[in-house]
Amino acid sequence: MQQTSSPNNLSLAHAIGVTVVATVLGFGSGALMAWIAPSDKFSWAGLAVAPLWLLLEIYFEAVVAILGNKAKATRIASTIAVLAGFYIAWFALRGVAA
C-alpha cells in the first residue's frame, strides 16, 4: 500500500523547513555578532538582524508559491525564529549581565 502526501502536508513540511532554516540563520548570526562585536556595546546586536531579515524576505519571495496559504503565517513564525535564535545565541555567549 502506497501512501501519497497531500499538498497540504507538503506545504506544512515546507513551512516547518523554512522556519527551521530561519532559526539556524538567526542562531549563527547571533553567535557571530557575539563573537566579533565590542563587549561593551549591546546596540551592535541589531546590526546583524537587519541584513538577515532582508535576506529572509528576498528568500520568501521565491518560496511563496510553494507555501500557498501558509505564507503569511510562515513569515511571522520565521521572523520570530530569527530573532529568538539570534538572541539565544547572543545571551548564551555574552551572558545577560555581561
N, C-alpha and C. Protein backbone atom coordinates (compact mmCIF):
# COMPACT_ATOMS: atom_id res chain seq x y z
N MET A 1 0.84 -1.17 0.00
CA MET A 1 0.00 0.00 0.00
C MET A 1 0.89 1.24 0.00
N GLN A 2 0.64 2.10 -0.94
CA GLN A 2 1.46 3.28 -1.09
C GLN A 2 0.72 4.49 -0.52
N GLN A 3 1.45 5.27 0.24
CA GLN A 3 0.85 6.44 0.85
C GLN A 3 1.31 7.69 0.10
N THR A 4 0.36 8.50 -0.33
CA THR A 4 0.71 9.72 -1.04
C THR A 4 0.55 10.91 -0.12
N SER A 5 1.39 11.90 -0.30
CA SER A 5 1.32 13.11 0.51
C SER A 5 0.39 14.10 -0.16
N SER A 6 -0.45 14.68 0.64
CA SER A 6 -1.36 15.69 0.11
C SER A 6 -0.63 17.01 -0.01
N PRO A 7 -1.12 17.91 -0.86
CA PRO A 7 -0.48 19.24 -0.97
C PRO A 7 -0.44 19.99 0.34
N ASN A 8 -1.44 19.77 1.20
CA ASN A 8 -1.47 20.45 2.48
C ASN A 8 -0.31 19.98 3.37
N ASN A 9 -0.04 18.67 3.36
CA ASN A 9 1.08 18.15 4.15
C ASN A 9 2.42 18.63 3.62
N LEU A 10 2.55 18.70 2.30
CA LEU A 10 3.79 19.20 1.71
C LEU A 10 4.00 20.67 2.05
N SER A 11 2.93 21.44 2.02
CA SER A 11 3.03 22.85 2.35
C SER A 11 3.43 23.03 3.81
N LEU A 12 2.88 22.22 4.68
CA LEU A 12 3.24 22.30 6.09
C LEU A 12 4.70 21.90 6.30
N ALA A 13 5.15 20.88 5.60
CA ALA A 13 6.55 20.47 5.71
C ALA A 13 7.49 21.56 5.21
N HIS A 14 7.13 22.22 4.14
CA HIS A 14 7.94 23.33 3.64
C HIS A 14 7.96 24.48 4.63
N ALA A 15 6.81 24.79 5.22
CA ALA A 15 6.74 25.88 6.19
C ALA A 15 7.61 25.60 7.41
N ILE A 16 7.58 24.36 7.88
CA ILE A 16 8.41 23.99 9.02
C ILE A 16 9.88 24.05 8.64
N GLY A 17 10.21 23.58 7.45
CA GLY A 17 11.59 23.63 6.98
C GLY A 17 12.13 25.04 6.89
N VAL A 18 11.31 25.94 6.37
CA VAL A 18 11.72 27.35 6.25
C VAL A 18 11.94 27.95 7.63
N THR A 19 11.08 27.62 8.58
CA THR A 19 11.22 28.16 9.93
C THR A 19 12.47 27.62 10.61
N VAL A 20 12.78 26.35 10.39
CA VAL A 20 14.00 25.77 10.97
C VAL A 20 15.24 26.44 10.38
N VAL A 21 15.24 26.65 9.07
CA VAL A 21 16.36 27.34 8.43
C VAL A 21 16.51 28.75 8.99
N ALA A 22 15.40 29.44 9.20
CA ALA A 22 15.45 30.79 9.76
C ALA A 22 16.03 30.78 11.17
N THR A 23 15.68 29.78 11.97
CA THR A 23 16.22 29.68 13.32
C THR A 23 17.73 29.46 13.30
N VAL A 24 18.18 28.58 12.42
CA VAL A 24 19.62 28.30 12.31
C VAL A 24 20.37 29.55 11.84
N LEU A 25 19.81 30.27 10.87
CA LEU A 25 20.44 31.51 10.42
C LEU A 25 20.51 32.55 11.53
N GLY A 26 19.44 32.68 12.29
CA GLY A 26 19.44 33.62 13.41
C GLY A 26 20.44 33.23 14.48
N PHE A 27 20.52 31.94 14.77
CA PHE A 27 21.47 31.47 15.78
C PHE A 27 22.91 31.71 15.32
N GLY A 28 23.19 31.40 14.07
CA GLY A 28 24.53 31.63 13.54
C GLY A 28 24.90 33.10 13.53
N SER A 29 23.95 33.94 13.17
CA SER A 29 24.18 35.37 13.15
C SER A 29 24.42 35.91 14.56
N GLY A 30 23.64 35.43 15.51
CA GLY A 30 23.82 35.86 16.89
C GLY A 30 25.16 35.43 17.46
N ALA A 31 25.56 34.21 17.13
CA ALA A 31 26.87 33.72 17.61
C ALA A 31 28.00 34.53 16.99
N LEU A 32 27.88 34.83 15.70
CA LEU A 32 28.92 35.61 15.03
C LEU A 32 29.01 37.02 15.60
N MET A 33 27.88 37.67 15.80
CA MET A 33 27.90 39.03 16.35
C MET A 33 28.38 39.04 17.79
N ALA A 34 28.03 38.03 18.58
CA ALA A 34 28.51 37.98 19.97
C ALA A 34 30.02 37.80 20.00
N TRP A 35 30.56 37.16 18.99
CA TRP A 35 31.99 36.92 18.94
C TRP A 35 32.77 38.14 18.45
N ILE A 36 32.22 38.87 17.44
CA ILE A 36 33.00 39.96 16.85
C ILE A 36 32.63 41.35 17.35
N ALA A 37 31.47 41.53 17.96
CA ALA A 37 31.06 42.86 18.41
C ALA A 37 31.81 43.25 19.68
N PRO A 38 32.02 44.55 19.88
CA PRO A 38 32.66 45.00 21.12
C PRO A 38 31.84 44.57 22.34
N SER A 39 32.53 44.17 23.38
CA SER A 39 31.84 43.60 24.54
C SER A 39 31.00 44.62 25.30
N ASP A 40 31.29 45.89 25.19
CA ASP A 40 30.54 46.89 25.94
C ASP A 40 29.41 47.52 25.14
N LYS A 41 29.16 47.04 23.95
CA LYS A 41 28.14 47.63 23.09
C LYS A 41 27.07 46.60 22.74
N PHE A 42 25.91 46.73 23.37
CA PHE A 42 24.79 45.84 23.04
C PHE A 42 24.09 46.28 21.76
N SER A 43 24.17 47.55 21.42
CA SER A 43 23.46 48.06 20.24
C SER A 43 23.99 47.47 18.94
N TRP A 44 25.18 46.93 18.94
CA TRP A 44 25.73 46.29 17.74
C TRP A 44 24.94 45.05 17.37
N ALA A 45 24.21 44.47 18.31
CA ALA A 45 23.47 43.24 18.04
C ALA A 45 22.44 43.41 16.95
N GLY A 46 21.81 44.56 16.89
CA GLY A 46 20.79 44.81 15.88
C GLY A 46 21.33 44.91 14.47
N LEU A 47 22.62 45.18 14.33
CA LEU A 47 23.21 45.30 13.00
C LEU A 47 23.20 43.98 12.24
N ALA A 48 23.25 42.88 12.93
CA ALA A 48 23.25 41.58 12.25
C ALA A 48 21.84 41.14 11.90
N VAL A 49 20.86 41.53 12.68
CA VAL A 49 19.49 41.07 12.44
C VAL A 49 18.89 41.74 11.20
N ALA A 50 19.18 43.00 10.96
CA ALA A 50 18.58 43.71 9.83
C ALA A 50 18.96 43.10 8.47
N PRO A 51 20.22 42.85 8.16
CA PRO A 51 20.54 42.21 6.88
C PRO A 51 20.00 40.79 6.78
N LEU A 52 19.98 40.08 7.90
CA LEU A 52 19.44 38.72 7.90
C LEU A 52 17.95 38.74 7.58
N TRP A 53 17.23 39.69 8.14
CA TRP A 53 15.81 39.82 7.86
C TRP A 53 15.58 40.15 6.38
N LEU A 54 16.40 41.03 5.82
CA LEU A 54 16.28 41.37 4.41
C LEU A 54 16.53 40.15 3.52
N LEU A 55 17.55 39.37 3.82
CA LEU A 55 17.81 38.16 3.05
C LEU A 55 16.66 37.16 3.17
N LEU A 56 16.08 37.07 4.35
CA LEU A 56 14.94 36.18 4.55
C LEU A 56 13.73 36.64 3.74
N GLU A 57 13.49 37.93 3.65
CA GLU A 57 12.38 38.44 2.85
C GLU A 57 12.60 38.17 1.37
N ILE A 58 13.81 38.31 0.89
CA ILE A 58 14.11 38.00 -0.51
C ILE A 58 13.90 36.52 -0.76
N TYR A 59 14.31 35.69 0.19
CA TYR A 59 14.11 34.25 0.08
C TYR A 59 12.63 33.90 0.02
N PHE A 60 11.82 34.59 0.83
CA PHE A 60 10.38 34.30 0.84
C PHE A 60 9.70 34.66 -0.48
N GLU A 61 10.21 35.63 -1.19
CA GLU A 61 9.64 35.96 -2.49
C GLU A 61 9.74 34.76 -3.43
N ALA A 62 10.80 33.97 -3.28
CA ALA A 62 10.99 32.81 -4.15
C ALA A 62 10.15 31.61 -3.72
N VAL A 63 9.88 31.47 -2.44
CA VAL A 63 9.17 30.27 -1.98
C VAL A 63 7.71 30.51 -1.66
N VAL A 64 7.20 31.70 -1.91
CA VAL A 64 5.81 31.99 -1.55
C VAL A 64 4.82 31.11 -2.32
N ALA A 65 5.16 30.73 -3.53
CA ALA A 65 4.26 29.87 -4.31
C ALA A 65 4.18 28.47 -3.70
N ILE A 66 5.27 28.00 -3.13
CA ILE A 66 5.29 26.67 -2.51
C ILE A 66 4.45 26.66 -1.24
N LEU A 67 4.50 27.73 -0.48
CA LEU A 67 3.82 27.77 0.81
C LEU A 67 2.32 27.96 0.70
N GLY A 68 1.86 28.50 -0.39
CA GLY A 68 0.42 28.66 -0.60
C GLY A 68 -0.21 29.54 0.45
N ASN A 69 -1.25 29.01 1.10
CA ASN A 69 -2.00 29.81 2.07
C ASN A 69 -1.29 29.92 3.42
N LYS A 70 -0.17 29.26 3.60
CA LYS A 70 0.58 29.36 4.85
C LYS A 70 1.73 30.36 4.77
N ALA A 71 1.80 31.14 3.71
CA ALA A 71 2.92 32.06 3.50
C ALA A 71 3.01 33.12 4.59
N LYS A 72 1.89 33.75 4.93
CA LYS A 72 1.93 34.82 5.93
C LYS A 72 2.27 34.28 7.32
N ALA A 73 1.69 33.15 7.67
CA ALA A 73 1.98 32.55 8.98
C ALA A 73 3.44 32.12 9.06
N THR A 74 3.98 31.61 7.96
CA THR A 74 5.38 31.20 7.94
C THR A 74 6.30 32.40 8.04
N ARG A 75 5.94 33.50 7.41
CA ARG A 75 6.75 34.73 7.52
C ARG A 75 6.82 35.20 8.97
N ILE A 76 5.69 35.21 9.65
CA ILE A 76 5.66 35.64 11.05
C ILE A 76 6.47 34.69 11.91
N ALA A 77 6.26 33.39 11.72
CA ALA A 77 6.99 32.39 12.50
C ALA A 77 8.49 32.48 12.24
N SER A 78 8.87 32.72 11.00
CA SER A 78 10.30 32.80 10.68
C SER A 78 10.94 34.06 11.24
N THR A 79 10.21 35.15 11.24
CA THR A 79 10.73 36.38 11.84
C THR A 79 10.97 36.18 13.33
N ILE A 80 10.02 35.55 14.00
CA ILE A 80 10.19 35.26 15.43
C ILE A 80 11.35 34.29 15.63
N ALA A 81 11.48 33.31 14.73
CA ALA A 81 12.55 32.32 14.85
C ALA A 81 13.93 32.96 14.67
N VAL A 82 14.04 33.89 13.72
CA VAL A 82 15.32 34.59 13.52
C VAL A 82 15.68 35.37 14.77
N LEU A 83 14.75 36.12 15.30
CA LEU A 83 15.03 36.91 16.50
C LEU A 83 15.34 36.04 17.70
N ALA A 84 14.56 34.98 17.89
CA ALA A 84 14.79 34.08 19.02
C ALA A 84 16.15 33.40 18.89
N GLY A 85 16.46 32.89 17.71
CA GLY A 85 17.76 32.25 17.51
C GLY A 85 18.91 33.20 17.74
N PHE A 86 18.77 34.43 17.25
CA PHE A 86 19.82 35.44 17.41
C PHE A 86 20.07 35.74 18.88
N TYR A 87 19.01 36.05 19.61
CA TYR A 87 19.20 36.48 21.00
C TYR A 87 19.52 35.32 21.92
N ILE A 88 19.10 34.11 21.60
CA ILE A 88 19.52 32.96 22.40
C ILE A 88 21.03 32.77 22.28
N ALA A 89 21.53 32.83 21.05
CA ALA A 89 22.99 32.71 20.86
C ALA A 89 23.73 33.88 21.50
N TRP A 90 23.19 35.08 21.34
CA TRP A 90 23.84 36.27 21.90
C TRP A 90 23.98 36.16 23.41
N PHE A 91 22.87 35.86 24.09
CA PHE A 91 22.91 35.79 25.54
C PHE A 91 23.65 34.55 26.04
N ALA A 92 23.66 33.49 25.26
CA ALA A 92 24.41 32.29 25.67
C ALA A 92 25.90 32.56 25.64
N LEU A 93 26.36 33.33 24.67
CA LEU A 93 27.78 33.61 24.56
C LEU A 93 28.23 34.83 25.37
N ARG A 94 27.37 35.81 25.50
CA ARG A 94 27.72 37.04 26.21
C ARG A 94 27.24 37.06 27.65
N GLY A 95 26.17 36.38 27.92
CA GLY A 95 25.56 36.46 29.24
C GLY A 95 24.63 37.63 29.33
N VAL A 96 23.67 37.56 30.21
CA VAL A 96 22.65 38.60 30.32
C VAL A 96 23.25 39.88 30.90
N ALA A 97 24.11 39.78 31.87
CA ALA A 97 24.65 40.97 32.53
C ALA A 97 26.07 41.28 32.12
N ALA A 98 26.52 40.71 31.00
CA ALA A 98 27.91 40.94 30.61
C ALA A 98 28.10 42.23 30.00
